[in-house]
Protein backbone atom coordinates (compact mmCIF):
# COMPACT_ATOMS: atom_id res chain seq x y z
CA MET A 1 33.18 8.57 14.06
CA ASN A 2 31.82 5.18 14.81
CA THR A 3 30.45 3.68 11.35
CA LYS A 4 29.84 0.19 12.93
CA VAL A 5 26.26 -1.49 12.72
CA THR A 6 25.01 -4.90 13.48
CA LEU A 7 23.05 -6.86 11.17
CA CYS A 8 21.27 -9.88 12.38
CA GLY A 9 23.82 -10.39 15.06
CA ILE A 10 26.83 -10.07 12.91
CA GLU A 11 28.91 -6.67 13.29
CA LEU A 12 29.96 -4.77 10.17
CA ASP A 13 32.61 -2.21 10.15
CA ASN A 14 30.14 -0.03 8.19
CA PRO A 15 26.73 -0.36 6.67
CA VAL A 16 27.62 -0.21 3.02
CA ILE A 17 27.09 -3.43 1.01
CA PRO A 18 27.26 -3.70 -2.72
CA ALA A 19 23.91 -5.30 -4.02
CA SER A 20 23.64 -8.66 -5.77
CA GLY A 21 24.27 -8.64 -9.52
CA THR A 22 26.33 -5.49 -9.32
CA PHE A 23 29.42 -6.96 -7.65
CA GLY A 24 29.97 -10.45 -9.46
CA TYR A 25 31.43 -12.82 -6.73
CA GLY A 26 33.66 -10.00 -5.34
CA TYR A 27 37.18 -10.98 -6.59
CA GLU A 28 36.83 -8.98 -9.83
CA PHE A 29 36.82 -5.85 -7.77
CA ALA A 30 39.44 -6.98 -5.64
CA GLU A 31 41.77 -6.38 -8.38
CA LEU A 32 40.93 -2.68 -8.18
CA TYR A 33 41.10 -2.05 -4.33
CA ASP A 34 40.79 -3.77 -1.10
CA ILE A 35 37.17 -4.86 -0.88
CA ASN A 36 37.56 -5.44 2.98
CA GLU A 37 37.03 -1.80 3.37
CA LEU A 38 33.38 -2.73 2.58
CA GLY A 39 30.88 -3.74 5.41
CA THR A 40 30.21 -6.85 3.29
CA PHE A 41 28.70 -7.57 -0.10
CA SER A 42 25.80 -9.65 -1.49
CA PHE A 43 27.12 -11.79 -4.34
CA LYS A 44 25.51 -12.65 -7.57
CA GLY A 45 21.94 -14.16 -7.50
CA THR A 46 22.69 -17.90 -7.24
CA THR A 47 20.26 -20.62 -8.49
CA LYS A 48 20.09 -24.37 -8.29
CA GLU A 49 20.98 -25.10 -11.80
CA PRO A 50 23.50 -22.89 -13.97
CA ARG A 51 21.59 -20.29 -15.91
CA PHE A 52 22.56 -18.60 -19.24
CA GLY A 53 20.17 -15.70 -18.57
CA ASN A 54 18.03 -13.88 -21.04
CA PRO A 55 18.67 -12.96 -24.69
CA THR A 56 20.77 -9.70 -25.67
CA PRO A 57 20.35 -6.89 -25.68
CA ARG A 58 19.61 -6.80 -21.96
CA ILE A 59 20.80 -3.52 -20.80
CA ALA A 60 19.18 -0.24 -21.76
CA GLU A 61 20.27 3.23 -20.52
CA CYS A 62 17.79 5.90 -19.21
CA PRO A 63 17.77 9.27 -17.67
CA GLY A 64 18.67 8.93 -13.92
CA GLY A 65 19.14 5.15 -14.20
CA MET A 66 19.24 1.97 -16.40
CA ILE A 67 17.09 -0.94 -17.21
CA ASN A 68 18.45 -4.48 -17.13
CA ALA A 69 17.10 -8.02 -17.87
CA VAL A 70 20.13 -10.17 -17.11
CA GLY A 71 18.04 -13.12 -16.15
CA LEU A 72 19.99 -14.37 -13.18
CA GLN A 73 23.02 -15.53 -15.37
CA ASN A 74 25.13 -17.70 -12.86
CA PRO A 75 27.10 -20.96 -12.92
CA GLY A 76 24.78 -22.80 -10.41
CA VAL A 77 25.15 -23.42 -6.80
CA GLU A 78 27.55 -26.22 -7.02
CA ALA A 79 30.06 -24.27 -9.13
CA VAL A 80 29.59 -21.28 -6.77
CA ILE A 81 30.73 -23.30 -3.85
CA ASN A 82 33.30 -25.18 -5.51
CA GLN A 83 34.96 -22.38 -7.84
CA GLU A 84 33.74 -18.89 -6.77
CA LEU A 85 33.91 -18.95 -3.09
CA PRO A 86 37.48 -20.39 -2.82
CA LYS A 87 38.56 -17.55 -5.28
CA LEU A 88 36.76 -15.09 -2.91
CA LYS A 89 38.30 -16.52 0.23
CA LYS A 90 41.75 -15.32 -0.94
CA CYS A 91 40.78 -11.66 -1.12
CA PHE A 92 37.88 -11.30 1.17
CA HIS A 93 38.11 -11.99 4.99
CA LYS A 94 34.59 -11.16 6.32
CA PRO A 95 31.38 -13.04 6.15
CA VAL A 96 29.71 -12.47 2.72
CA MET A 97 25.98 -12.37 2.03
CA ALA A 98 24.74 -15.11 -0.30
CA ASN A 99 22.08 -14.08 -2.59
CA VAL A 100 19.55 -16.85 -3.68
CA SER A 101 17.02 -16.95 -6.36
CA GLY A 102 14.57 -19.92 -7.38
CA PHE A 103 11.66 -20.89 -9.53
CA SER A 104 9.98 -23.42 -7.07
CA LEU A 105 9.89 -23.82 -3.33
CA GLU A 106 12.34 -26.89 -3.81
CA ASP A 107 14.78 -24.82 -5.56
CA TYR A 108 14.93 -22.29 -2.72
CA ALA A 109 15.36 -25.06 -0.18
CA TYR A 110 18.03 -26.87 -1.99
CA THR A 111 20.26 -23.73 -2.74
CA CYS A 112 19.86 -22.21 0.69
CA LEU A 113 20.63 -25.61 2.27
CA LYS A 114 23.87 -25.95 0.45
CA LEU A 115 25.19 -22.32 1.02
CA ASP A 116 24.11 -22.44 4.68
CA ALA A 117 26.90 -24.99 5.05
CA GLU A 118 29.63 -22.73 3.71
CA GLU A 119 31.59 -20.92 6.29
CA GLN A 120 32.22 -17.82 4.36
CA VAL A 121 28.46 -17.22 4.13
CA GLY A 122 27.24 -14.91 6.94
CA TRP A 123 23.61 -14.28 5.67
CA LEU A 124 21.26 -15.69 3.22
CA GLU A 125 19.59 -12.87 1.22
CA VAL A 126 16.47 -14.70 -0.53
CA ASN A 127 15.35 -12.96 -3.63
CA ILE A 128 11.55 -13.52 -4.00
CA SER A 129 11.01 -11.60 -7.22
CA CYS A 130 11.40 -14.69 -9.45
CA PRO A 131 8.57 -16.09 -11.25
CA ASN A 132 7.13 -19.08 -9.61
CA VAL A 133 7.14 -21.83 -12.26
CA HIS A 134 4.45 -24.06 -10.39
CA GLY A 135 2.46 -20.98 -9.60
CA GLY A 136 1.72 -19.80 -13.04
CA GLY A 137 4.73 -17.46 -13.32
CA MET A 138 3.64 -15.05 -10.69
CA SER A 139 6.53 -13.79 -8.60
CA PHE A 140 6.88 -15.38 -5.16
CA GLY A 141 7.08 -11.81 -3.80
CA THR A 142 3.66 -10.56 -5.05
CA THR A 143 1.34 -12.26 -2.45
CA PRO A 144 2.00 -12.31 1.46
CA LYS A 145 1.08 -16.15 1.32
CA ALA A 146 3.59 -17.00 -1.29
CA ALA A 147 6.31 -14.79 0.32
CA ALA A 148 5.65 -16.38 3.66
CA GLU A 149 5.88 -19.94 2.18
CA VAL A 150 9.38 -19.31 0.74
CA THR A 151 10.39 -17.71 3.93
CA GLY A 152 9.20 -20.88 6.07
CA VAL A 153 10.87 -23.55 3.53
CA VAL A 154 14.31 -21.71 3.76
CA LYS A 155 14.13 -21.18 7.41
CA ASN A 156 13.46 -24.91 7.91
CA VAL A 157 16.79 -25.81 6.34
CA THR A 158 19.04 -23.16 7.50
CA LYS A 159 20.81 -21.93 10.73
CA LYS A 160 22.11 -18.63 9.43
CA PRO A 161 20.02 -15.30 9.33
CA VAL A 162 17.61 -15.20 6.52
CA ILE A 163 16.89 -11.83 4.94
CA ILE A 164 14.06 -11.78 2.41
CA LYS A 165 14.50 -9.44 -0.70
CA LEU A 166 11.16 -7.92 -1.75
CA SER A 167 9.92 -6.71 -5.06
CA PRO A 168 8.54 -3.02 -5.18
CA ASN A 169 6.17 -4.32 -7.96
CA VAL A 170 3.37 -4.75 -5.49
CA THR A 171 0.37 -2.80 -4.20
CA ASP A 172 1.07 -3.37 -0.57
CA ILE A 173 4.80 -4.12 0.29
CA VAL A 174 4.00 -3.65 4.10
CA SER A 175 1.84 -6.80 4.11
CA ILE A 176 4.20 -8.78 2.42
CA ALA A 177 7.05 -7.84 4.79
CA LYS A 178 4.89 -8.50 7.78
CA ALA A 179 4.20 -11.89 6.46
CA CYS A 180 7.89 -12.81 6.13
CA GLU A 181 8.54 -11.63 9.48
CA ASP A 182 5.76 -13.81 10.82
CA ALA A 183 7.12 -16.68 8.85
CA GLY A 184 10.46 -16.38 10.69
CA ALA A 185 12.51 -13.85 8.47
CA ASP A 186 15.52 -12.49 10.49
CA GLY A 187 15.64 -9.44 8.18
CA ILE A 188 14.05 -7.69 5.10
CA SER A 189 15.95 -6.15 2.24
CA LEU A 190 14.22 -3.81 -0.17
CA ILE A 191 13.76 -2.75 -2.98
CA ASN A 192 14.67 -4.91 -5.74
CA THR A 193 14.37 -3.11 -9.21
CA MET A 194 11.15 -1.67 -10.57
CA LEU A 195 9.59 -2.70 -13.74
CA GLY A 196 10.40 -0.50 -16.78
CA MET A 197 11.12 -0.36 -20.61
CA ARG A 198 12.42 1.78 -23.30
CA ILE A 199 11.47 1.73 -27.09
CA ASP A 200 14.00 2.24 -29.98
CA LEU A 201 12.47 5.00 -32.07
CA ARG A 202 14.24 3.97 -35.36
CA ARG A 203 13.27 0.27 -34.94
CA ARG A 204 10.02 0.92 -33.14
CA LYS A 205 10.63 -2.15 -31.08
CA PRO A 206 11.50 -2.44 -27.40
CA VAL A 207 15.34 -1.89 -26.74
CA ILE A 208 15.56 -4.87 -24.40
CA ALA A 209 15.06 -8.46 -26.09
CA ASN A 210 12.91 -9.34 -23.00
CA THR A 211 10.79 -6.20 -23.76
CA MET A 212 10.87 -5.16 -20.00
CA GLY A 213 13.41 -5.15 -17.42
CA GLY A 214 14.48 -4.00 -13.88
CA PHE A 215 14.76 -0.26 -13.47
CA SER A 216 17.40 0.86 -11.14
CA GLY A 217 19.41 3.98 -10.43
CA PRO A 218 19.06 7.42 -8.62
CA ALA A 219 15.78 7.89 -10.24
CA ILE A 220 14.13 5.16 -8.03
CA PHE A 221 15.75 6.39 -4.75
CA PRO A 222 12.68 8.45 -3.54
CA VAL A 223 10.43 5.32 -4.14
CA ALA A 224 12.84 2.92 -2.35
CA LEU A 225 13.36 5.32 0.72
CA ARG A 226 9.41 5.53 1.03
CA MET A 227 9.15 1.83 1.05
CA VAL A 228 12.05 1.39 3.62
CA TYR A 229 10.28 3.84 5.79
CA GLN A 230 6.88 2.12 5.68
CA VAL A 231 8.37 -1.46 6.15
CA SER A 232 10.76 -0.46 8.92
CA LYS A 233 7.86 1.16 10.74
CA ALA A 234 5.81 -2.12 10.46
CA VAL A 235 8.42 -4.79 11.32
CA LYS A 236 10.76 -5.32 14.29
CA VAL A 237 13.52 -7.17 12.31
CA PRO A 238 16.26 -5.24 10.64
CA VAL A 239 15.92 -3.62 7.15
CA ILE A 240 18.39 -3.22 4.53
CA GLY A 241 17.44 -0.36 2.20
CA MET A 242 18.52 -0.09 -1.28
CA GLY A 243 17.49 1.56 -4.63
CA GLY A 244 19.34 4.39 -6.29
CA VAL A 245 21.86 4.93 -3.31
CA SER A 246 24.83 6.72 -4.90
CA SER A 247 26.34 8.79 -1.96
CA ALA A 248 27.31 8.83 1.67
CA GLU A 249 24.29 11.26 2.15
CA ASP A 250 21.99 8.72 0.56
CA VAL A 251 23.27 6.17 2.93
CA ILE A 252 22.34 8.34 6.09
CA GLU A 253 18.93 9.15 4.60
CA MET A 254 18.16 5.50 4.15
CA MET A 255 19.13 4.79 7.76
CA LEU A 256 17.00 7.69 9.07
CA ALA A 257 14.15 6.17 7.20
CA GLY A 258 14.79 2.84 8.99
CA ALA A 259 17.72 0.92 7.29
CA THR A 260 20.19 -0.91 9.53
CA ALA A 261 22.41 -1.31 6.38
CA VAL A 262 22.48 0.01 3.00
CA GLU A 263 23.07 -1.62 -0.29
CA ILE A 264 24.54 0.06 -3.42
CA GLY A 265 23.35 -1.35 -6.85
CA ALA A 266 23.62 0.68 -10.24
CA ALA A 267 26.24 3.01 -8.99
CA ASN A 268 28.77 0.03 -9.08
CA LEU A 269 28.03 -0.49 -12.72
CA VAL A 270 28.85 3.27 -13.58
CA ASN A 271 31.96 3.51 -11.39
CA PRO A 272 33.57 0.29 -10.06
CA TYR A 273 34.99 2.47 -7.08
CA ALA A 274 31.43 3.77 -5.94
CA SER A 275 30.88 1.55 -2.80
CA ARG A 276 34.40 2.24 -1.70
CA ASP A 277 34.13 5.89 -2.20
CA ILE A 278 30.84 5.94 -0.24
CA VAL A 279 32.57 3.98 2.75
CA ARG A 280 35.50 6.50 2.69
CA SER A 281 33.22 9.76 2.69
CA LEU A 282 30.83 8.47 5.49
CA PRO A 283 32.88 10.08 8.23
CA ALA A 284 32.96 13.47 6.78
CA ALA A 285 29.20 13.26 5.94
CA MET A 286 28.45 11.97 9.69
CA GLU A 287 30.50 14.92 11.05
CA LYS A 288 28.57 17.45 8.68
CA TYR A 289 25.34 16.15 10.16
CA GLY A 290 26.50 15.93 13.67
CA ILE A 291 26.32 12.13 13.87
CA GLU A 292 28.68 10.16 16.27
CA ASN A 293 27.39 6.68 16.03
CA LEU A 294 25.48 5.62 12.93
CA THR A 295 23.59 3.11 14.95
CA ASP A 296 21.89 6.03 16.75
CA ILE A 297 20.36 7.39 13.50
CA ILE A 298 18.46 4.11 12.58
CA GLY A 299 14.73 4.95 11.94
CA GLY A 300 15.60 8.52 13.22
CA ALA A 301 13.02 10.05 10.93
CA HIS A 302 10.00 8.17 12.27
């Protein structure tokens, strides 16, 4: 069974990638198992300045998933480069995916330029679900024009593959994906969390201090799959699928929908071995469905 795939010119041993925000900077999980078993992973969303994140409580459970409003808590790009990456280098010997967030075009350009210079970084995954502080607080990912602007700015300062991570909280995700591709994106990853909330019946107030948060987990898988299918049909660049993926079968389903690689998010927070277990169970799932090479099935359902 051949599980290898190629993502933006870089070969992966398998398509399984823990998603940003669910795997820290990697070394915490390396205490549990050899994380080199993974295709790669996307590290915690990194911003120009350190961020404390949102007030607590910022996690709420719900059937089929969870809601989080962590608020991009991270030590800032300088600390990531000086402290986190050297620790990672000791336990992970593959290119890592750097996840970048920003609140202005300048933020994105600065952080991507810094991370582009790091040898360990293979791809830049640019999260455009952040509120644009200069644009009235609307997310960069909610209009094709704003999404294309971020893509262009990042492409101007980087040499490494740029993968734009899209928000599902939009009316037409295909037009946004196409705008990113036209602006030079090397790949598209989707979906980021959906917007959800819970209310505490005793307090009669929202459970999360931020009122709303990102809804993730198995419940959103059909929505994610549908969007991956639509986007991969519309663009020529590779697509990374994510959203509620929690088994090797889910990975195969995402790839049939058009994903070249697949990110695992909420499942890592429930079971720290989730991504490793999915990697290990892929060959048996491939055998069950008569798949010799994973690459052969990308977009197979179109």
